[in-house]
């Protein structure tokens, strides 16, 4: 099973976006993931990691929740 971390910038107000993404991942994959953890950060960070591998970084990628959920799914399928 996959372990997902969503690191988000607290001062930037990204908590809602992180929580929404967390809910979407859990809704889509449920027991297929070990955890979907929210990790606080600063400096504008918004990154998603699956099993320690970065799959999204707001600095280099356009935010698309559906695409991020799909990418997470490729890890869930590979480890299921």
C-alpha atoms as a PDB file:
ATOM      1  CA  UNK A   1       0.000   0.000   0.000  1.00  0.00           C
ATOM      2  CA  UNK A   2       1.025   3.569  -0.592  1.00  0.00           C
ATOM      3  CA  UNK A   3       1.775   6.284   1.945  1.00  0.00           C
ATOM      4  CA  UNK A   4       0.940   9.831   0.820  1.00  0.00           C
ATOM      5  CA  UNK A   5       2.173  13.116   2.302  1.00  0.00           C
ATOM      6  CA  UNK A   6       0.784  16.510   1.379  1.00  0.00           C
ATOM      7  CA  UNK A   7       3.082  19.286   2.585  1.00  0.00           C
ATOM      8  CA  UNK A   8       1.493  22.713   2.525  1.00  0.00           C
ATOM      9  CA  UNK A   9       2.360  26.296   3.462  1.00  0.00           C
ATOM     10  CA  UNK A  10       0.490  27.346   6.599  1.00  0.00           C
ATOM     11  CA  UNK A  11       1.066  31.126   6.272  1.00  0.00           C
ATOM     12  CA  UNK A  12      -0.082  31.011   2.621  1.00  0.00           C
ATOM     13  CA  UNK A  13      -3.448  29.550   3.584  1.00  0.00           C
ATOM     14  CA  UNK A  14      -3.067  26.294   1.650  1.00  0.00           C
ATOM     15  CA  UNK A  15      -4.649  24.185   4.409  1.00  0.00           C
ATOM     16  CA  UNK A  16      -8.075  24.038   2.740  1.00  0.00           C
ATOM     17  CA  UNK A  17      -6.564  22.919  -0.565  1.00  0.00           C
ATOM     18  CA  UNK A  18      -4.501  20.271   1.227  1.00  0.00           C
ATOM     19  CA  UNK A  19      -7.529  18.988   3.132  1.00  0.00           C
ATOM     20  CA  UNK A  20      -9.628  18.845  -0.040  1.00  0.00           C
ATOM     21  CA  UNK A  21      -6.911  16.903  -1.848  1.00  0.00           C
ATOM     22  CA  UNK A  22      -6.555  14.562   1.134  1.00  0.00           C
ATOM     23  CA  UNK A  23     -10.319  13.894   1.077  1.00  0.00           C
ATOM     24  CA  UNK A  24     -10.288  13.238  -2.689  1.00  0.00           C
ATOM     25  CA  UNK A  25      -7.437  10.731  -2.376  1.00  0.00           C
ATOM     26  CA  UNK A  26      -9.133   8.933   0.507  1.00  0.00           C
ATOM     27  CA  UNK A  27     -12.475   8.899  -1.298  1.00  0.00           C
ATOM     28  CA  UNK A  28     -10.911   7.480  -4.457  1.00  0.00           C
ATOM     29  CA  UNK A  29      -8.576   4.877  -2.935  1.00  0.00           C
ATOM     30  CA  UNK A  30      -9.851   4.280   0.612  1.00  0.00           C
ATOM     31  CA  UNK A  31      -8.092   1.255   2.074  1.00  0.00           C
ATOM     32  CA  UNK A  32      -5.668   1.202  -0.874  1.00  0.00           C
ATOM     33  CA  UNK A  33      -3.494   3.744   0.914  1.00  0.00           C
ATOM     34  CA  UNK A  34      -1.846   3.326   4.307  1.00  0.00           C
ATOM     35  CA  UNK A  35      -2.213   7.004   5.116  1.00  0.00           C
ATOM     36  CA  UNK A  36      -2.669  10.446   3.651  1.00  0.00           C
ATOM     37  CA  UNK A  37      -0.799  12.772   5.994  1.00  0.00           C
ATOM     38  CA  UNK A  38      -0.884  16.546   6.072  1.00  0.00           C
ATOM     39  CA  UNK A  39       2.539  18.052   6.792  1.00  0.00           C
ATOM     40  CA  UNK A  40       2.812  21.715   7.739  1.00  0.00           C
ATOM     41  CA  UNK A  41       5.390  23.911   6.065  1.00  0.00           C
ATOM     42  CA  UNK A  42       6.107  27.458   4.970  1.00  0.00           C
ATOM     43  CA  UNK A  43       7.779  29.367   2.162  1.00  0.00           C
ATOM     44  CA  UNK A  44       4.944  28.743  -0.302  1.00  0.00           C
ATOM     45  CA  UNK A  45       5.405  24.977  -0.295  1.00  0.00           C
ATOM     46  CA  UNK A  46       2.705  22.686  -1.669  1.00  0.00           C
ATOM     47  CA  UNK A  47       4.115  19.262  -2.485  1.00  0.00           C
ATOM     48  CA  UNK A  48       2.716  15.765  -2.702  1.00  0.00           C
ATOM     49  CA  UNK A  49       4.874  12.711  -2.078  1.00  0.00           C
ATOM     50  CA  UNK A  50       3.990   9.052  -2.434  1.00  0.00           C
ATOM     51  CA  UNK A  51       6.243   6.620  -0.593  1.00  0.00           C
ATOM     52  CA  UNK A  52       8.817   9.419  -0.301  1.00  0.00           C
ATOM     53  CA  UNK A  53       8.843  10.216  -4.035  1.00  0.00           C
ATOM     54  CA  UNK A  54       7.701  13.702  -5.007  1.00  0.00           C
ATOM     55  CA  UNK A  55       4.830  13.548  -7.510  1.00  0.00           C
ATOM     56  CA  UNK A  56       3.729  17.197  -7.388  1.00  0.00           C
ATOM     57  CA  UNK A  57       5.387  20.534  -6.584  1.00  0.00           C
ATOM     58  CA  UNK A  58       3.477  23.784  -6.999  1.00  0.00           C
ATOM     59  CA  UNK A  59       6.743  25.511  -7.978  1.00  0.00           C
ATOM     60  CA  UNK A  60       7.101  23.415 -11.136  1.00  0.00           C
ATOM     61  CA  UNK A  61       3.671  21.880 -11.805  1.00  0.00           C
ATOM     62  CA  UNK A  62       0.265  23.370 -12.522  1.00  0.00           C
ATOM     63  CA  UNK A  63      -2.183  22.452  -9.749  1.00  0.00           C
ATOM     64  CA  UNK A  64      -4.737  19.942 -11.011  1.00  0.00           C
ATOM     65  CA  UNK A  65      -6.323  17.896  -8.230  1.00  0.00           C
ATOM     66  CA  UNK A  66      -7.653  15.245 -10.614  1.00  0.00           C
ATOM     67  CA  UNK A  67      -4.214  14.725 -12.160  1.00  0.00           C
ATOM     68  CA  UNK A  68      -2.606  14.452  -8.720  1.00  0.00           C
ATOM     69  CA  UNK A  69      -5.195  11.880  -7.606  1.00  0.00           C
ATOM     70  CA  UNK A  70      -4.564   9.906 -10.828  1.00  0.00           C
ATOM     71  CA  UNK A  71      -0.812   9.983 -10.210  1.00  0.00           C
ATOM     72  CA  UNK A  72      -1.319   8.711  -6.669  1.00  0.00           C
ATOM     73  CA  UNK A  73      -3.452   5.943  -8.167  1.00  0.00           C
ATOM     74  CA  UNK A  74      -0.559   4.691 -10.263  1.00  0.00           C
ATOM     75  CA  UNK A  75       1.334   4.078  -7.018  1.00  0.00           C
ATOM     76  CA  UNK A  76      -1.660   2.465  -5.331  1.00  0.00           C
ATOM     77  CA  UNK A  77      -2.089   0.078  -8.259  1.00  0.00           C
ATOM     78  CA  UNK A  78       1.628  -0.725  -8.319  1.00  0.00           C
ATOM     79  CA  UNK A  79       1.710  -1.610  -4.628  1.00  0.00           C
ATOM     80  CA  UNK A  80      -1.688  -3.272  -4.245  1.00  0.00           C
END
